[in-house]
Structure formats: C-alpha cells, structure tokens
C-alpha cells in the first residue's frame, strides 16, 4: 500500500504552466517513498532467487504501482487539501490540473497491468490485488474509521505472495511472513498518519492513529512509532530467515 512521504518542495506558489505539469506529477507520485519501496522489493526479489533481469522487472513494476497509488491519493484528497489550504500538495500548490493528473493516472494503470502479469500470472495478480486493496483503503469511510488499519494490513500481506509466486518454482508464501508483513503495514499506517494528525483531529476523524494519539498522546505516539516500525521490520526479516518466504 502507498505511504505519503514529504512532497517535492514547490516553494508554496503556483509554478509557470510549462513546469506545473511535470513538477506536479513528480510531486504527486511521492517519489521518495515510491523509489524506496521499489528498490526494497527489488532487493527482496534478488534475495528470493530471481535473476538480475527479473529483479529489474520487479523494480519497474513496483515503481509504477506506487506511482498509481500516489496519484490516486492526491486525486482523492484534493477537496480536503484545498479546504485546509495545503500549499505543499501538488493539486493545490503547483498549478497541476486535475485533468492532467487523471490522464497520467489512466496511462499508469494501463502500464502496471501488463508489467505485473509479466512477473507471472499468480505474482501479477497478487500485485494488482494489493494495489486494488490499497486504493479501496483510501476511500472514506474506511480510512476514517477504527478499521483504517485493515486495508494497510491486507495490502502489505500480499507483498510476500508477489515475491513467492514469482520465484522458481512458484509457490504460496508462508503464513509467518504473511502475518509479519501485515503487521508492518499497520505500523507504516500509523507512521504515515502522524504528520496529518492535527488536521485529522480538526475534521473529527477517528481512525486508528487518531485513537492511539488520544490514548497515548501525540508526542508519545511520535516517539513510539519508530520503535513499532523497527520491530515490524525485524519480524519480517526473522520470518524470512526462519520459516522462509515460500512454503
């Protein structure tokens, strides 16, 4: 599932028309996180036994998929971003047109489908499935309720399937690494929500991170979240080394 990172600096003003499209599209894709996710999954593909070319295909597939999630997120959040005058968001601060972003998103969707299937049908369907779950998780009321963690857990739980079904011979992932990946998704959800907690509180949103902030305090939650992320990563690595990726 796509996690919002710090957007590209757009200097809090509308850009000239010739730059608004390209700069806005890059910013809306959340390029830092997209690149980190693509490289991370690509390295995992190498570790699972795929060759260099197959791992490169994984990187390209994941990168396009993360761009799809980033652009979808910005389109869905446009009204809220304008209400809060978030000038650091591309559709508000760069002059990027909604139609331009929508067209680019349609092209990316048409590209990610064959790229995913090129990894093998079961692996490709796993990747497309996690993208669908992640997009559905961006819609209210699920994202604003106590169940906001569910699509994050479900989408991250499909990453091991994408990797295991793409190995030779292909096979389903172990339950242990699937569960660890789901826990990582929940931890990432909490981390991703931290910067927007003040605005979410003003809007009366009651998602999981907001409820945790009420019970623990925002400051304490900010301090605890990196530890939760670290433990989740350790759990994924431990299950990879122990029970393994594939059954």
Foldseek 3Di string as FASTA:
>chain_A
DAFADQFDDPVLAADPPVVLAVNQLCRLLNQVRLQVVLVVLLVVLVVLPDDPVLSVLSSVLSSLLSSLLSLLLLLVCVVVCVVVQVLSHSVRNHVHDPVSSVVVSVVSVVVNQVSLCVLPPQLSVLLVVLSVLSSVLSDPPCCLEQNSLVSLLVSQLSSLQNSQCSDVVHAGWDPQLSNLSSQLSSLSSLVSCLVVQVVSVVVVGDYNNNVCCVVPNSVVSNVCSVVSNVVSVVSNVVCCVPVRSGD
